[in-house]
N, C-alpha and C. Protein backbone atom coordinates (compact mmCIF):
# COMPACT_ATOMS: atom_id res chain seq x y z
N MET A 1 155.39 67.08 -14.99
CA MET A 1 154.31 66.25 -15.47
C MET A 1 152.99 66.82 -14.98
N VAL A 2 152.02 66.90 -15.86
CA VAL A 2 150.68 67.33 -15.49
C VAL A 2 149.89 66.06 -15.22
N SER A 3 149.41 65.92 -14.02
CA SER A 3 148.69 64.71 -13.64
C SER A 3 147.20 64.97 -13.63
N GLU A 4 146.44 63.90 -13.45
CA GLU A 4 144.99 64.01 -13.32
C GLU A 4 144.64 64.92 -12.15
N ALA A 5 145.39 64.82 -11.06
CA ALA A 5 145.12 65.67 -9.89
C ALA A 5 145.32 67.14 -10.23
N THR A 6 146.39 67.46 -10.96
CA THR A 6 146.63 68.85 -11.36
C THR A 6 145.51 69.34 -12.25
N ALA A 7 145.13 68.52 -13.21
CA ALA A 7 144.05 68.91 -14.12
C ALA A 7 142.75 69.09 -13.34
N THR A 8 142.50 68.24 -12.35
CA THR A 8 141.28 68.33 -11.56
C THR A 8 141.24 69.64 -10.79
N GLN A 9 142.38 70.12 -10.32
CA GLN A 9 142.43 71.38 -9.58
C GLN A 9 142.02 72.56 -10.44
N HIS A 10 142.09 72.40 -11.75
CA HIS A 10 141.83 73.52 -12.66
C HIS A 10 140.53 73.35 -13.44
N ARG A 11 139.55 72.65 -12.90
CA ARG A 11 138.30 72.40 -13.61
C ARG A 11 137.55 73.68 -13.97
N ARG A 12 137.76 74.75 -13.23
CA ARG A 12 137.02 75.99 -13.48
C ARG A 12 137.61 76.80 -14.62
N ILE A 13 138.67 76.32 -15.22
CA ILE A 13 139.32 77.06 -16.30
C ILE A 13 138.42 77.03 -17.53
N GLN A 14 138.38 78.13 -18.24
CA GLN A 14 137.48 78.26 -19.37
C GLN A 14 138.24 78.22 -20.70
N SER A 15 137.52 77.87 -21.75
CA SER A 15 138.07 77.95 -23.10
C SER A 15 138.12 79.41 -23.50
N PRO A 16 138.81 79.75 -24.62
CA PRO A 16 138.87 81.16 -25.01
C PRO A 16 137.49 81.81 -25.15
N ALA A 17 136.53 81.08 -25.70
CA ALA A 17 135.21 81.65 -25.92
C ALA A 17 134.52 81.98 -24.61
N THR A 18 134.55 81.07 -23.63
CA THR A 18 133.87 81.33 -22.37
C THR A 18 134.70 82.19 -21.45
N ALA A 19 136.01 82.15 -21.57
CA ALA A 19 136.86 82.98 -20.72
C ALA A 19 136.60 84.45 -20.99
N ASP A 20 136.34 84.82 -22.24
CA ASP A 20 136.06 86.21 -22.57
C ASP A 20 134.84 86.72 -21.80
N ARG A 21 133.85 85.87 -21.64
CA ARG A 21 132.63 86.28 -20.96
C ARG A 21 132.78 86.27 -19.45
N GLU A 22 133.59 85.35 -18.92
CA GLU A 22 133.60 85.14 -17.48
C GLU A 22 134.87 85.62 -16.78
N GLY A 23 135.87 86.05 -17.49
CA GLY A 23 137.10 86.48 -16.84
C GLY A 23 138.08 86.95 -17.88
N SER A 24 139.27 87.35 -17.41
CA SER A 24 140.23 87.91 -18.34
C SER A 24 141.43 87.00 -18.57
N ARG A 25 141.47 85.83 -17.93
CA ARG A 25 142.60 84.92 -18.09
C ARG A 25 142.10 83.48 -18.16
N ALA A 26 142.89 82.62 -18.83
CA ALA A 26 142.60 81.19 -18.90
C ALA A 26 143.92 80.45 -18.77
N SER A 27 143.88 79.22 -18.24
CA SER A 27 145.10 78.43 -18.05
C SER A 27 145.25 77.40 -19.17
N TRP A 28 146.46 77.32 -19.68
CA TRP A 28 146.77 76.47 -20.83
C TRP A 28 148.07 75.72 -20.57
N LEU A 29 148.18 74.53 -21.13
CA LEU A 29 149.44 73.81 -21.13
C LEU A 29 150.15 74.15 -22.44
N LEU A 30 151.36 74.71 -22.33
CA LEU A 30 152.13 75.09 -23.51
C LEU A 30 153.10 73.99 -23.89
N CYS A 31 153.15 73.71 -25.19
CA CYS A 31 154.04 72.67 -25.71
C CYS A 31 154.69 73.15 -27.00
N ARG A 32 155.80 72.52 -27.34
CA ARG A 32 156.48 72.82 -28.60
C ARG A 32 156.45 71.58 -29.47
N ALA A 33 156.14 71.78 -30.75
CA ALA A 33 156.15 70.71 -31.76
C ALA A 33 156.78 71.28 -33.01
N ALA A 34 157.92 70.74 -33.39
CA ALA A 34 158.67 71.25 -34.54
C ALA A 34 158.88 72.75 -34.34
N ALA A 35 158.50 73.57 -35.31
CA ALA A 35 158.71 75.01 -35.19
C ALA A 35 157.53 75.72 -34.54
N HIS A 36 156.56 74.96 -34.03
CA HIS A 36 155.33 75.55 -33.53
C HIS A 36 155.20 75.49 -32.02
N LEU A 37 154.59 76.53 -31.49
CA LEU A 37 154.22 76.58 -30.09
C LEU A 37 152.71 76.42 -30.05
N TYR A 38 152.23 75.46 -29.25
CA TYR A 38 150.79 75.28 -29.18
C TYR A 38 150.33 75.20 -27.74
N ALA A 39 149.04 75.50 -27.53
CA ALA A 39 148.45 75.53 -26.19
C ALA A 39 147.20 74.68 -26.19
N ILE A 40 147.02 73.97 -25.07
CA ILE A 40 145.86 73.10 -24.88
C ILE A 40 145.15 73.58 -23.63
N PRO A 41 143.82 73.70 -23.65
CA PRO A 41 143.11 74.10 -22.44
C PRO A 41 143.43 73.13 -21.30
N LEU A 42 143.88 73.64 -20.20
CA LEU A 42 144.31 72.79 -19.09
C LEU A 42 143.19 71.88 -18.59
N GLU A 43 141.96 72.33 -18.71
CA GLU A 43 140.83 71.53 -18.25
C GLU A 43 140.70 70.21 -19.00
N HIS A 44 141.33 70.10 -20.18
CA HIS A 44 141.24 68.88 -20.97
C HIS A 44 142.48 68.00 -20.87
N VAL A 45 143.52 68.50 -20.21
CA VAL A 45 144.77 67.74 -20.11
C VAL A 45 144.63 66.65 -19.04
N ILE A 46 145.04 65.43 -19.41
CA ILE A 46 145.06 64.33 -18.46
C ILE A 46 146.44 64.21 -17.85
N GLU A 47 147.47 64.06 -18.70
CA GLU A 47 148.84 63.95 -18.20
C GLU A 47 149.84 64.13 -19.33
N SER A 48 151.08 64.31 -18.93
CA SER A 48 152.22 64.38 -19.84
C SER A 48 153.15 63.24 -19.46
N MET A 49 153.73 62.60 -20.48
CA MET A 49 154.61 61.45 -20.22
C MET A 49 155.70 61.37 -21.27
N ARG A 50 156.72 60.57 -20.99
CA ARG A 50 157.73 60.31 -22.01
C ARG A 50 157.06 59.66 -23.21
N ALA A 51 157.61 59.89 -24.39
CA ALA A 51 157.05 59.31 -25.60
C ALA A 51 157.11 57.79 -25.53
N LEU A 52 156.06 57.16 -26.00
CA LEU A 52 155.94 55.71 -26.06
C LEU A 52 155.99 55.28 -27.53
N PRO A 53 156.18 53.99 -27.79
CA PRO A 53 156.15 53.53 -29.19
C PRO A 53 154.80 53.87 -29.85
N ILE A 54 154.87 54.24 -31.12
CA ILE A 54 153.69 54.61 -31.89
C ILE A 54 153.62 53.68 -33.10
N GLU A 55 152.47 53.01 -33.26
CA GLU A 55 152.27 52.08 -34.36
C GLU A 55 151.36 52.74 -35.40
N ALA A 56 151.83 52.81 -36.64
CA ALA A 56 151.07 53.45 -37.71
C ALA A 56 149.75 52.72 -37.95
N ILE A 57 148.73 53.49 -38.38
CA ILE A 57 147.44 52.91 -38.74
C ILE A 57 147.07 53.38 -40.14
N SER A 58 146.43 52.51 -40.89
CA SER A 58 146.08 52.87 -42.27
C SER A 58 144.82 53.73 -42.30
N GLY A 59 144.73 54.54 -43.32
CA GLY A 59 143.54 55.35 -43.54
C GLY A 59 143.43 56.58 -42.66
N ALA A 60 144.47 56.89 -41.91
CA ALA A 60 144.43 58.07 -41.03
C ALA A 60 145.01 59.28 -41.75
N PRO A 61 144.57 60.48 -41.37
CA PRO A 61 145.21 61.68 -41.93
C PRO A 61 146.71 61.67 -41.61
N ARG A 62 147.48 62.35 -42.41
CA ARG A 62 148.94 62.37 -42.25
C ARG A 62 149.37 62.77 -40.84
N TYR A 63 148.65 63.70 -40.22
CA TYR A 63 149.05 64.21 -38.91
C TYR A 63 148.70 63.25 -37.76
N VAL A 64 147.93 62.20 -38.02
CA VAL A 64 147.68 61.17 -37.01
C VAL A 64 148.78 60.12 -37.21
N ARG A 65 149.76 60.15 -36.32
CA ARG A 65 150.95 59.30 -36.49
C ARG A 65 150.65 57.83 -36.27
N GLY A 66 149.64 57.52 -35.49
CA GLY A 66 149.29 56.13 -35.23
C GLY A 66 148.71 55.97 -33.85
N LEU A 67 148.86 54.75 -33.32
CA LEU A 67 148.34 54.43 -31.99
C LEU A 67 149.47 54.13 -31.04
N SER A 68 149.28 54.52 -29.80
CA SER A 68 150.21 54.20 -28.73
C SER A 68 149.40 53.56 -27.61
N VAL A 69 149.94 52.54 -26.98
CA VAL A 69 149.25 51.92 -25.85
C VAL A 69 149.59 52.72 -24.60
N ILE A 70 148.57 53.40 -24.07
CA ILE A 70 148.74 54.25 -22.89
C ILE A 70 147.79 53.74 -21.81
N ARG A 71 148.37 53.37 -20.70
CA ARG A 71 147.59 52.83 -19.58
C ARG A 71 146.71 51.67 -20.01
N GLY A 72 147.24 50.84 -20.93
CA GLY A 72 146.56 49.63 -21.37
C GLY A 72 145.56 49.80 -22.49
N SER A 73 145.39 51.01 -23.00
CA SER A 73 144.42 51.26 -24.07
C SER A 73 145.11 51.88 -25.28
N PRO A 74 144.67 51.51 -26.50
CA PRO A 74 145.22 52.16 -27.69
C PRO A 74 144.69 53.59 -27.81
N VAL A 75 145.60 54.54 -27.98
CA VAL A 75 145.25 55.95 -28.04
C VAL A 75 145.84 56.55 -29.32
N PRO A 76 145.02 57.25 -30.14
CA PRO A 76 145.57 57.89 -31.33
C PRO A 76 146.54 59.01 -30.94
N VAL A 77 147.65 59.09 -31.68
CA VAL A 77 148.67 60.10 -31.43
C VAL A 77 148.68 61.09 -32.60
N VAL A 78 148.51 62.35 -32.28
CA VAL A 78 148.49 63.42 -33.27
C VAL A 78 149.81 64.16 -33.23
N ASP A 79 150.35 64.47 -34.40
CA ASP A 79 151.58 65.24 -34.52
C ASP A 79 151.23 66.69 -34.84
N PRO A 80 151.27 67.60 -33.84
CA PRO A 80 150.93 68.99 -34.11
C PRO A 80 151.84 69.67 -35.12
N GLY A 81 153.09 69.21 -35.26
CA GLY A 81 153.98 69.76 -36.27
C GLY A 81 153.42 69.56 -37.67
N LEU A 82 152.79 68.41 -37.90
CA LEU A 82 152.15 68.13 -39.20
C LEU A 82 150.75 68.72 -39.26
N LEU A 83 150.08 68.82 -38.13
CA LEU A 83 148.75 69.41 -38.08
C LEU A 83 148.80 70.90 -38.40
N LEU A 84 149.82 71.59 -37.89
CA LEU A 84 149.93 73.04 -38.05
C LEU A 84 150.82 73.46 -39.20
N GLY A 85 151.58 72.53 -39.74
CA GLY A 85 152.51 72.88 -40.81
C GLY A 85 152.98 71.62 -41.51
N ASP A 86 154.21 71.65 -41.93
CA ASP A 86 154.72 70.52 -42.71
C ASP A 86 155.98 69.93 -42.08
N GLN A 87 156.18 70.17 -40.78
CA GLN A 87 157.36 69.65 -40.11
C GLN A 87 156.96 68.61 -39.07
N PRO A 88 157.43 67.37 -39.22
CA PRO A 88 157.11 66.37 -38.20
C PRO A 88 157.76 66.71 -36.86
N THR A 89 157.09 66.33 -35.80
CA THR A 89 157.58 66.56 -34.44
C THR A 89 158.49 65.43 -34.03
N HIS A 90 159.64 65.77 -33.48
CA HIS A 90 160.51 64.76 -32.87
C HIS A 90 159.95 64.53 -31.47
N ALA A 91 159.05 63.55 -31.35
CA ALA A 91 158.27 63.36 -30.13
C ALA A 91 159.14 62.85 -28.98
N ARG A 92 159.33 63.72 -28.00
CA ARG A 92 160.00 63.34 -26.76
C ARG A 92 158.99 63.14 -25.64
N ARG A 93 157.80 63.75 -25.81
CA ARG A 93 156.74 63.69 -24.81
C ARG A 93 155.42 63.42 -25.53
N LEU A 94 154.49 62.84 -24.79
CA LEU A 94 153.10 62.72 -25.22
C LEU A 94 152.26 63.41 -24.17
N VAL A 95 151.27 64.15 -24.61
CA VAL A 95 150.33 64.80 -23.72
C VAL A 95 148.96 64.22 -24.03
N THR A 96 148.36 63.54 -23.05
CA THR A 96 147.03 62.99 -23.28
C THR A 96 145.99 64.02 -22.88
N VAL A 97 144.95 64.09 -23.71
CA VAL A 97 143.86 65.05 -23.48
C VAL A 97 142.52 64.36 -23.68
N ARG A 98 141.51 64.90 -23.02
CA ARG A 98 140.14 64.42 -23.21
C ARG A 98 139.60 65.06 -24.48
N SER A 99 139.00 64.22 -25.30
CA SER A 99 138.35 64.67 -26.52
C SER A 99 136.94 64.09 -26.49
N GLY A 100 136.02 64.83 -25.89
CA GLY A 100 134.69 64.27 -25.64
C GLY A 100 134.83 63.17 -24.60
N HIS A 101 134.38 61.96 -24.94
CA HIS A 101 134.51 60.83 -24.02
C HIS A 101 135.73 59.98 -24.34
N ARG A 102 136.55 60.44 -25.29
CA ARG A 102 137.73 59.70 -25.70
C ARG A 102 138.99 60.38 -25.23
N THR A 103 140.11 59.66 -25.38
CA THR A 103 141.43 60.21 -25.07
C THR A 103 142.25 60.22 -26.34
N ILE A 104 142.97 61.31 -26.59
CA ILE A 104 143.96 61.35 -27.66
C ILE A 104 145.27 61.83 -27.06
N ALA A 105 146.35 61.59 -27.77
CA ALA A 105 147.67 62.04 -27.32
C ALA A 105 148.24 62.99 -28.36
N LEU A 106 148.88 64.03 -27.89
CA LEU A 106 149.55 64.99 -28.76
C LEU A 106 151.05 64.81 -28.58
N ALA A 107 151.77 64.71 -29.67
CA ALA A 107 153.23 64.60 -29.61
C ALA A 107 153.81 65.99 -29.30
N ALA A 108 154.88 66.01 -28.53
CA ALA A 108 155.55 67.27 -28.20
C ALA A 108 157.04 67.03 -28.12
N GLU A 109 157.79 68.00 -28.59
CA GLU A 109 159.23 67.97 -28.39
C GLU A 109 159.55 68.40 -26.96
N ALA A 110 158.72 69.30 -26.45
CA ALA A 110 158.90 69.78 -25.07
C ALA A 110 157.57 70.24 -24.52
N VAL A 111 157.35 69.97 -23.24
CA VAL A 111 156.22 70.53 -22.51
C VAL A 111 156.79 71.69 -21.71
N LEU A 112 156.33 72.89 -22.02
CA LEU A 112 156.92 74.11 -21.46
C LEU A 112 156.31 74.53 -20.14
N GLY A 113 155.14 73.98 -19.81
CA GLY A 113 154.52 74.31 -18.54
C GLY A 113 153.13 74.86 -18.69
N ILE A 114 152.57 75.25 -17.56
CA ILE A 114 151.22 75.80 -17.51
C ILE A 114 151.33 77.32 -17.47
N ARG A 115 150.53 77.97 -18.30
CA ARG A 115 150.52 79.43 -18.33
C ARG A 115 149.10 79.94 -18.23
N SER A 116 148.93 80.97 -17.46
CA SER A 116 147.69 81.70 -17.44
C SER A 116 147.85 82.80 -18.49
N ILE A 117 146.97 82.79 -19.47
CA ILE A 117 147.12 83.70 -20.61
C ILE A 117 145.92 84.63 -20.68
N ALA A 118 146.19 85.91 -20.82
CA ALA A 118 145.12 86.91 -20.92
C ALA A 118 144.30 86.65 -22.18
N THR A 119 142.99 86.76 -22.03
CA THR A 119 142.11 86.46 -23.16
C THR A 119 142.29 87.42 -24.33
N GLU A 120 142.84 88.60 -24.07
CA GLU A 120 143.07 89.52 -25.20
C GLU A 120 144.17 89.00 -26.12
N THR A 121 144.91 87.99 -25.68
CA THR A 121 145.92 87.34 -26.52
C THR A 121 145.26 86.55 -27.64
N PHE A 122 144.03 86.06 -27.40
CA PHE A 122 143.35 85.23 -28.39
C PHE A 122 142.86 86.10 -29.54
N ASN A 123 143.18 85.70 -30.72
CA ASN A 123 142.73 86.40 -31.91
C ASN A 123 141.89 85.47 -32.76
N GLN A 124 140.85 86.02 -33.36
CA GLN A 124 140.07 85.23 -34.30
C GLN A 124 140.98 84.80 -35.44
N LEU A 125 140.68 83.65 -36.04
CA LEU A 125 141.47 83.22 -37.18
C LEU A 125 141.29 84.19 -38.33
N PRO A 126 142.38 84.54 -39.02
CA PRO A 126 142.22 85.41 -40.19
C PRO A 126 141.42 84.69 -41.27
N PRO A 127 140.75 85.42 -42.15
CA PRO A 127 139.90 84.80 -43.16
C PRO A 127 140.61 83.71 -43.97
N LEU A 128 141.86 83.89 -44.28
CA LEU A 128 142.59 82.91 -45.07
C LEU A 128 142.67 81.55 -44.37
N LEU A 129 142.76 81.54 -43.04
CA LEU A 129 142.87 80.29 -42.29
C LEU A 129 141.53 79.77 -41.77
N ARG A 130 140.53 80.63 -41.73
CA ARG A 130 139.28 80.27 -41.08
C ARG A 130 138.68 78.98 -41.63
N ASP A 131 138.60 78.81 -42.95
CA ASP A 131 138.01 77.61 -43.51
C ASP A 131 138.94 76.41 -43.39
N ALA A 132 140.21 76.62 -43.58
CA ALA A 132 141.17 75.52 -43.58
C ALA A 132 141.48 75.01 -42.19
N ALA A 133 141.53 75.88 -41.20
CA ALA A 133 142.05 75.49 -39.89
C ALA A 133 141.03 75.48 -38.76
N ALA A 134 139.82 75.94 -39.01
CA ALA A 134 138.86 76.10 -37.93
C ALA A 134 138.54 74.79 -37.21
N GLN A 135 138.70 73.66 -37.86
CA GLN A 135 138.43 72.38 -37.20
C GLN A 135 139.43 72.08 -36.09
N THR A 136 140.66 72.61 -36.19
CA THR A 136 141.68 72.24 -35.21
C THR A 136 142.21 73.41 -34.40
N ILE A 137 142.16 74.61 -34.94
CA ILE A 137 142.73 75.77 -34.25
C ILE A 137 141.61 76.67 -33.74
N ALA A 138 141.57 76.89 -32.43
CA ALA A 138 140.54 77.74 -31.83
C ALA A 138 140.87 79.20 -32.04
N ALA A 139 142.14 79.55 -31.93
CA ALA A 139 142.57 80.94 -32.07
C ALA A 139 144.08 80.96 -32.29
N ILE A 140 144.56 82.10 -32.70
CA ILE A 140 146.00 82.32 -32.86
C ILE A 140 146.35 83.56 -32.06
N GLY A 141 147.49 83.52 -31.40
CA GLY A 141 147.96 84.66 -30.64
C GLY A 141 149.47 84.69 -30.65
N THR A 142 150.04 85.49 -29.78
CA THR A 142 151.49 85.53 -29.64
C THR A 142 151.84 85.40 -28.17
N LEU A 143 153.02 84.86 -27.94
CA LEU A 143 153.57 84.75 -26.60
C LEU A 143 155.05 85.04 -26.72
N ASP A 144 155.50 86.10 -26.07
CA ASP A 144 156.90 86.52 -26.17
C ASP A 144 157.31 86.64 -27.63
N ALA A 145 156.47 87.27 -28.44
CA ALA A 145 156.71 87.54 -29.86
C ALA A 145 156.76 86.27 -30.71
N GLU A 146 156.30 85.14 -30.19
CA GLU A 146 156.26 83.90 -30.97
C GLU A 146 154.80 83.55 -31.23
N LEU A 147 154.52 83.07 -32.45
CA LEU A 147 153.18 82.67 -32.81
C LEU A 147 152.73 81.51 -31.93
N LEU A 148 151.52 81.59 -31.41
CA LEU A 148 150.98 80.57 -30.50
C LEU A 148 149.63 80.12 -31.04
N PHE A 149 149.50 78.79 -31.23
CA PHE A 149 148.26 78.20 -31.72
C PHE A 149 147.48 77.62 -30.54
N PHE A 150 146.23 78.06 -30.38
CA PHE A 150 145.35 77.51 -29.36
C PHE A 150 144.52 76.42 -30.03
N LEU A 151 144.65 75.18 -29.56
CA LEU A 151 144.03 74.05 -30.24
C LEU A 151 142.65 73.72 -29.70
N HIS A 152 141.77 73.29 -30.62
CA HIS A 152 140.47 72.70 -30.26
C HIS A 152 140.78 71.24 -29.93
N GLU A 153 140.81 70.90 -28.68
CA GLU A 153 141.17 69.53 -28.30
C GLU A 153 140.15 68.52 -28.77
N THR A 154 138.91 68.91 -28.95
CA THR A 154 137.88 67.94 -29.33
C THR A 154 137.72 67.77 -30.83
N ARG A 155 138.43 68.52 -31.63
CA ARG A 155 138.23 68.43 -33.08
C ARG A 155 139.48 67.98 -33.83
N ILE A 156 140.49 67.56 -33.14
CA ILE A 156 141.76 67.26 -33.78
C ILE A 156 141.72 65.98 -34.61
N VAL A 157 141.15 64.92 -34.06
CA VAL A 157 141.07 63.65 -34.78
C VAL A 157 139.66 63.54 -35.36
N PRO A 158 139.56 63.28 -36.67
CA PRO A 158 138.23 63.17 -37.29
C PRO A 158 137.35 62.13 -36.58
N GLU A 159 136.11 62.47 -36.37
CA GLU A 159 135.17 61.58 -35.67
C GLU A 159 135.07 60.22 -36.33
N GLU A 160 135.06 60.18 -37.66
CA GLU A 160 134.94 58.89 -38.35
C GLU A 160 136.14 57.98 -38.08
N LEU A 161 137.33 58.56 -37.91
CA LEU A 161 138.51 57.76 -37.57
C LEU A 161 138.38 57.23 -36.14
N LEU A 162 137.94 58.06 -35.21
CA LEU A 162 137.75 57.61 -33.83
C LEU A 162 136.70 56.50 -33.76
N ASP A 163 135.61 56.65 -34.53
CA ASP A 163 134.58 55.61 -34.56
C ASP A 163 135.16 54.30 -35.10
N ARG A 164 135.97 54.40 -36.15
CA ARG A 164 136.60 53.20 -36.72
C ARG A 164 137.52 52.53 -35.71
N LEU A 165 138.31 53.33 -34.98
CA LEU A 165 139.20 52.77 -33.97
C LEU A 165 138.42 52.11 -32.84
N ASP A 166 137.30 52.73 -32.45
CA ASP A 166 136.44 52.12 -31.43
C ASP A 166 135.89 50.79 -31.92
N ALA A 167 135.44 50.74 -33.17
CA ALA A 167 134.90 49.51 -33.73
C ALA A 167 135.97 48.43 -33.83
N ASP A 168 137.17 48.81 -34.26
CA ASP A 168 138.28 47.85 -34.35
C ASP A 168 138.64 47.30 -32.97
N GLY A 169 138.62 48.17 -31.96
CA GLY A 169 138.93 47.75 -30.60
C GLY A 169 137.86 46.82 -30.05
N ALA A 170 136.61 47.06 -30.39
CA ALA A 170 135.51 46.22 -29.90
C ALA A 170 135.55 44.85 -30.55
N SER A 171 136.04 44.79 -31.79
CA SER A 171 136.06 43.49 -32.48
C SER A 171 137.33 42.71 -32.21
N ALA A 172 138.31 43.33 -31.56
CA ALA A 172 139.58 42.64 -31.30
C ALA A 172 139.50 41.70 -30.11
């Protein structure tokens, strides 16, 4: 489990863009969702936990599975299997991350651990994906010959949906 204390110890970790300028490695939490391997900047990870019940919400993109009550607050749950492809994730774990001043949860079949990854692993998105995926994918690379998606933790859930959820929570 990645706890707040663990994440706090890694505050100096950089995103791919800043890591290139300031060092040659960055720390990421690696997770598996459906057929995809994805990485989240460790500096944004709050914790990993067993999957909790998820309640569907209307008007959300397909990859936003719904809301889960985490530590007493409703948190949107994103399915990276649907975000990155067309395979739903059999969620065994939830990983909560900071998204600006909000918290979101990412579904995972497995949390594989923390890895320090060389910045040369990060590749710019190819032109075909740049327009379609730039909102959610920071870069693509490989790890042990497997495709690895580096996620933009702050761009996964559309801002208008988060604003609507905040408004619904304030009126409840």
